[in-house]
Protein backbone atom coordinates (compact mmCIF):
# COMPACT_ATOMS: atom_id res chain seq x y z
CA UNK A 1 11.89 7.49 17.28
CA UNK A 2 13.75 7.26 13.53
CA UNK A 3 14.13 10.37 11.54
CA UNK A 4 15.20 8.49 8.78
CA UNK A 5 12.80 5.22 7.65
CA UNK A 6 14.32 3.34 5.03
CA UNK A 7 11.86 1.51 2.75
CA UNK A 8 12.22 -0.67 -0.42
CA UNK A 9 9.21 -0.79 -3.16
CA UNK A 10 9.75 -4.37 -4.47
CA UNK A 11 7.72 -3.66 -7.80
CA UNK A 12 6.21 -7.80 -9.48
CA UNK A 13 4.09 -9.08 -11.33
CA UNK A 14 2.71 -12.50 -11.42
CA UNK A 15 4.69 -15.41 -12.72
CA UNK A 16 3.55 -18.69 -13.42
CA UNK A 17 0.72 -20.74 -12.40
CA UNK A 18 0.29 -20.03 -9.17
CA UNK A 19 0.42 -18.61 -6.19
CA UNK A 20 3.88 -20.53 -4.96
CA UNK A 21 5.50 -19.63 -8.37
CA UNK A 22 5.39 -16.12 -8.20
CA UNK A 23 6.53 -16.37 -4.55
CA UNK A 24 9.86 -17.94 -5.51
CA UNK A 25 10.22 -15.74 -8.28
CA UNK A 26 10.49 -12.52 -5.76
CA UNK A 27 12.55 -14.52 -3.27
CA UNK A 28 15.01 -15.11 -6.29
CA UNK A 29 14.92 -11.23 -7.17
CA UNK A 30 15.27 -10.34 -3.37
CA UNK A 31 18.10 -12.82 -3.35
CA UNK A 32 19.45 -10.81 -5.73
CA UNK A 33 19.53 -7.36 -4.19
CA UNK A 34 23.47 -6.70 -2.97
CA UNK A 35 22.31 -5.67 0.57
CA UNK A 36 18.46 -4.88 2.07
CA UNK A 37 20.27 -5.17 6.06
CA UNK A 38 19.22 -1.22 6.11
CA UNK A 39 16.18 -1.16 4.98
CA UNK A 40 13.12 -1.01 7.52
CA UNK A 41 10.05 -1.76 5.67
CA UNK A 42 9.42 -3.73 2.42
CA UNK A 43 6.29 -2.47 0.31
CA UNK A 44 4.56 -5.02 -2.48
CA UNK A 45 1.77 -4.28 -5.20
CA UNK A 46 -1.55 -5.52 -5.39
CA UNK A 47 -1.92 -9.06 -7.01
CA UNK A 48 1.23 -9.92 -7.94
CA UNK A 49 0.72 -13.76 -5.94
CA UNK A 50 -2.34 -15.35 -8.41
CA UNK A 51 -5.97 -13.66 -10.01
CA UNK A 52 -7.31 -16.63 -8.08
CA UNK A 53 -8.34 -16.02 -4.55
CA UNK A 54 -5.77 -17.99 -1.81
CA UNK A 55 -6.61 -18.62 1.89
CA UNK A 56 -5.62 -16.39 4.54
CA UNK A 57 -3.27 -18.83 5.99
CA UNK A 58 -1.57 -19.58 2.65
CA UNK A 59 -1.06 -15.48 2.53
CA UNK A 60 0.33 -15.40 5.94
CA UNK A 61 2.74 -18.30 4.80
CA UNK A 62 3.98 -15.83 2.30
CA UNK A 63 4.33 -12.82 5.05
CA UNK A 64 6.51 -15.39 6.96
CA UNK A 65 8.62 -16.10 4.23
CA UNK A 66 9.08 -12.67 3.30
CA UNK A 67 10.18 -11.39 6.54
CA UNK A 68 13.28 -12.79 6.16
CA UNK A 69 14.45 -9.75 3.79
CA UNK A 70 12.92 -6.94 6.46
CA UNK A 71 12.08 -6.15 10.37
CA UNK A 72 8.53 -5.04 8.80
CA UNK A 73 7.12 -6.41 5.45
CA UNK A 74 3.52 -5.03 3.72
CA UNK A 75 2.61 -7.63 1.74
CA UNK A 76 0.80 -6.06 -0.32
CA UNK A 77 -3.07 -7.17 -1.89
CA UNK A 78 -4.45 -10.44 -2.73
CA UNK A 79 -7.98 -12.02 -3.08
CA UNK A 80 -8.00 -14.09 -0.23
CA UNK A 81 -10.82 -16.35 0.89
CA UNK A 82 -13.00 -15.59 4.36
CA UNK A 83 -15.83 -16.66 5.34
CA UNK A 84 -18.07 -14.17 4.26
CA UNK A 85 -16.78 -14.60 0.69
CA UNK A 86 -13.48 -13.42 -0.82
CA UNK A 87 -12.05 -10.31 -0.28
CA UNK A 88 -9.05 -8.15 -1.71
CA UNK A 89 -6.99 -7.88 1.36
CA UNK A 90 -3.66 -6.87 2.24
CA UNK A 91 -1.19 -8.26 5.58
CA UNK A 92 2.00 -7.01 7.04
CA UNK A 93 4.19 -8.79 8.48
CA UNK A 94 5.68 -6.88 11.67
CA UNK A 95 8.68 -9.06 13.19
CA UNK A 96 7.23 -12.06 12.66
CA UNK A 97 3.26 -11.15 13.39
CA UNK A 98 0.60 -11.21 10.98
CA UNK A 99 -1.51 -8.03 10.85
CA UNK A 100 -3.97 -7.41 8.21
CA UNK A 101 -3.59 -4.13 7.51
CA UNK A 102 -6.63 -3.31 4.61
CA UNK A 103 -9.26 -4.37 2.89
CA UNK A 104 -10.69 -3.14 -0.69
CA UNK A 105 -13.69 -0.77 0.95
CA UNK A 106 -15.05 0.19 -2.46
CA UNK A 107 -14.42 -2.67 -5.32
CA UNK A 108 -13.67 -1.55 -8.83
CA UNK A 109 -16.81 -1.23 -11.33
CA UNK A 110 -14.42 -0.98 -14.12
CA UNK A 111 -12.54 -4.40 -13.66
CA UNK A 112 -15.89 -6.02 -12.51
CA UNK A 113 -14.58 -6.53 -8.95
CA UNK A 114 -18.00 -6.04 -7.26
CA UNK A 115 -19.69 -9.13 -9.09
CA UNK A 116 -16.86 -11.16 -7.69
CA UNK A 117 -15.38 -9.77 -4.21
CA UNK A 118 -17.45 -8.33 -1.39
CA UNK A 119 -16.96 -4.64 0.33
CA UNK A 120 -14.46 -4.53 3.04
CA UNK A 121 -13.65 -2.58 6.43
CA UNK A 122 -11.57 0.08 7.33
CA UNK A 123 -8.54 -1.25 9.22
CA UNK A 124 -6.19 1.62 11.27
CA UNK A 125 -2.64 2.14 10.59
CA UNK A 126 0.28 -0.05 11.97
CA UNK A 127 2.90 1.86 14.04
CA UNK A 128 6.13 1.37 13.35
CA UNK A 129 7.51 3.41 16.51
CA UNK A 130 6.77 6.45 18.10
CA UNK A 131 6.61 8.67 15.00
CA UNK A 132 6.23 6.24 11.91
CA UNK A 133 2.93 4.68 11.26
CA UNK A 134 1.43 3.51 8.01
CA UNK A 135 -2.36 3.56 6.91
CA UNK A 136 -2.90 1.45 3.90
CA UNK A 137 -5.41 2.12 1.01
CA UNK A 138 -6.58 -0.81 -1.34
CA UNK A 139 -5.95 0.49 -5.11
CA UNK A 140 -9.15 2.11 -6.24
CA UNK A 141 -10.03 2.95 -2.67
CA UNK A 142 -7.61 6.22 -2.92
CA UNK A 143 -9.75 7.54 -5.17
CA UNK A 144 -11.85 8.31 -2.21
CA UNK A 145 -10.16 10.79 0.26
CA UNK A 146 -12.03 10.11 3.02
CA UNK A 147 -10.46 6.76 3.39
CA UNK A 148 -6.93 8.20 3.29
CA UNK A 149 -7.95 11.26 5.64
CA UNK A 150 -9.14 8.75 8.29
CA UNK A 151 -6.25 6.70 8.31
CA UNK A 152 -4.23 10.35 9.11
CA UNK A 153 -6.60 11.24 11.57
CA UNK A 154 -5.93 7.57 12.79
CA UNK A 155 -1.95 9.09 12.84
CA UNK A 156 -0.37 7.97 9.94
CA UNK A 157 1.51 9.73 8.03
CA UNK A 158 2.87 7.25 5.14
CA UNK A 159 0.21 6.25 3.02
CA UNK A 160 0.63 2.89 0.84
CA UNK A 161 -1.60 2.18 -2.05
CA UNK A 162 -0.99 -1.51 -3.18
CA UNK A 163 -2.27 -1.05 -6.99
CA UNK A 164 -3.02 -2.51 -9.97
CA UNK A 165 -3.42 0.62 -12.60
CA UNK A 166 -2.98 -0.08 -16.54
CA UNK A 167 -0.85 2.47 -18.23
CA UNK A 168 -3.74 4.64 -19.56
CA UNK A 169 -4.15 5.87 -15.85
CA UNK A 170 -0.92 6.21 -14.51
CA UNK A 171 -0.59 9.74 -14.95
CA UNK A 172 -3.97 10.09 -12.87
CA UNK A 173 -2.91 7.66 -10.35
CA UNK A 174 0.37 9.80 -9.97
CA UNK A 175 -1.74 12.74 -9.55
CA UNK A 176 -3.87 11.54 -6.79
CA UNK A 177 -1.04 10.08 -5.11
CA UNK A 178 0.59 13.67 -4.94
CA UNK A 179 -2.73 15.31 -4.05
CA UNK A 180 -2.75 13.03 -0.91
CA UNK A 181 0.33 13.25 0.28
CA UNK A 182 -0.11 17.54 0.09
CA UNK A 183 -3.76 17.74 1.50
CA UNK A 184 -2.86 15.38 4.41
CA UNK A 185 1.03 16.50 4.76
CA UNK A 186 1.88 12.51 4.76
CA UNK A 187 4.15 10.82 2.47
CA UNK A 188 1.96 8.81 -0.29
CA UNK A 189 3.86 5.07 -1.87
CA UNK A 190 2.15 4.08 -4.79
CA UNK A 191 3.27 0.28 -5.59
CA UNK A 192 2.06 -0.81 -9.02
CA UNK A 193 2.40 -4.44 -10.37
CA UNK A 194 4.52 -5.05 -13.60
CA UNK A 195 2.97 -6.85 -16.59
CA UNK A 196 -0.45 -8.01 -14.96
CA UNK A 197 -3.01 -8.73 -17.82
CA UNK A 198 -6.35 -6.77 -17.16
CA UNK A 199 -9.64 -7.92 -18.10
CA UNK A 200 -9.85 -6.40 -21.52
CA UNK A 201 -6.07 -6.59 -22.53
CA UNK A 202 -4.04 -3.71 -20.88
CA UNK A 203 -0.66 -4.28 -18.58
CA UNK A 204 0.53 -2.52 -15.55
CA UNK A 205 3.55 -1.28 -16.95
CA UNK A 206 5.34 -0.70 -13.09
CA UNK A 207 6.18 2.51 -12.73
CA UNK A 208 5.26 3.01 -8.97
CA UNK A 209 5.97 6.61 -7.10
CA UNK A 210 6.68 8.09 -4.04
CA UNK A 211 5.69 10.95 -3.28
CA UNK A 212 7.18 13.79 -0.53
CA UNK A 213 4.42 15.98 1.69
CA UNK A 214 3.64 19.13 -0.12
CA UNK A 215 4.58 16.97 -3.48
CA UNK A 216 8.17 18.22 -3.56
CA UNK A 217 9.57 14.98 -5.13
CA UNK A 218 8.52 12.19 -6.46
CA UNK A 219 10.52 9.00 -7.29
CA UNK A 220 9.54 6.53 -10.66
CA UNK A 221 10.61 3.11 -9.72
CA UNK A 222 10.81 2.31 -14.09
CA UNK A 223 8.86 -0.35 -15.35
CA UNK A 224 10.82 -3.30 -15.28
CA UNK A 225 10.86 -6.00 -11.91
CA UNK A 226 13.26 -4.62 -9.13
CA UNK A 227 13.71 -3.42 -5.77
CA UNK A 228 13.55 0.43 -5.28
CA UNK A 229 15.23 1.03 -1.68
CA UNK A 230 15.14 5.04 -0.57
CA UNK A 231 14.90 6.78 2.85
CA UNK A 232 11.76 8.77 4.34
CA UNK A 233 12.82 11.96 6.68
CA UNK A 234 10.68 12.72 9.38
CA UNK A 235 12.20 16.44 9.29
CA UNK A 236 10.41 16.87 6.01
CA UNK A 237 6.77 16.21 7.43
CA UNK A 238 7.49 18.12 10.03
CA UNK A 239 8.80 21.33 8.14
CA UNK A 240 5.54 21.15 6.10
CA UNK A 241 3.48 21.46 8.29
CA UNK A 242 4.84 24.53 10.04
CA UNK A 243 4.70 26.00 6.69
CA UNK A 244 1.02 25.04 6.18
CA UNK A 245 -1.69 24.00 8.15
CA UNK A 246 -3.93 21.88 6.95
CA UNK A 247 -2.47 18.66 9.31
CA UNK A 248 -3.51 21.14 12.33
CA UNK A 249 -6.86 21.53 10.82
CA UNK A 250 -7.64 18.03 10.92
CA UNK A 251 -6.54 17.13 13.79
CA UNK A 252 -8.48 19.93 15.78
CA UNK A 253 -11.04 21.12 13.64
CA UNK A 254 -11.91 18.26 11.11
CA UNK A 255 -11.40 15.13 13.10
CA UNK A 256 -14.60 14.85 14.87
CA UNK A 257 -16.42 14.74 11.31
CA UNK A 258 -14.68 11.38 10.92
CA UNK A 259 -15.71 9.63 13.61
CA UNK A 260 -19.30 8.45 12.09
CA UNK A 261 -17.09 7.18 8.63
CA UNK A 262 -15.24 5.43 10.60
CA UNK A 263 -18.12 3.59 12.59
CA UNK A 264 -19.50 2.54 9.56
CA UNK A 265 -16.28 1.90 7.42
CA UNK A 266 -15.20 -0.95 10.58
CA UNK A 267 -18.96 -2.12 10.54
CA UNK A 268 -18.85 -3.04 7.05
């Protein structure tokens, strides 16, 4: 069981005309980092590969390429063609095996996603080791507190939010991530793209953020393409749980109320 988990936030945007161009750009960025040998997990943003839907096998190929840089890679969130339509879907490569880790349950109304993609379903957290478990919440789904809480009921102590947030909504997004960290006594990791253009012309400015349990600190990765490496500490979670009863009350008193919700969200 690791007391510290070393993570890397890969803050990037789309490049060129295809997902392969974007992948090649990320590979160049990762190759330029002096040393990633100690990094346990890499986290990517939403829609950094392409605005167009890709096929799931191509998405898995991206995971294969990126798995050269860390044992566990959360590849982010992309539009993916599946049998029932197009999903906003996230995968993780864990020791060379691919896992679907999240689907956007509540597509964005503001940017017209509800007319373009289908609603996804809930996926439980990914186990890193005996202690660390990562739950993925797809972009706007983090504004629905039930999605994060359900992951915590299922054992998550890291809530990862791959996102595409414009500049005028960054402060709001950070505030929500701080709230999710404190109310659930978990780490929250928000990874935003750089330089991607919204349909109305707004740009995503990066400013990815890590919030520790209790919102004691936030670390913003700036507004450029970068790989930001830091460590999460098991002791911060355990110490905060000793001070606040939120987590105990979630597990002992509230968890039963999420059983029906889980059944509904897994059957979408």
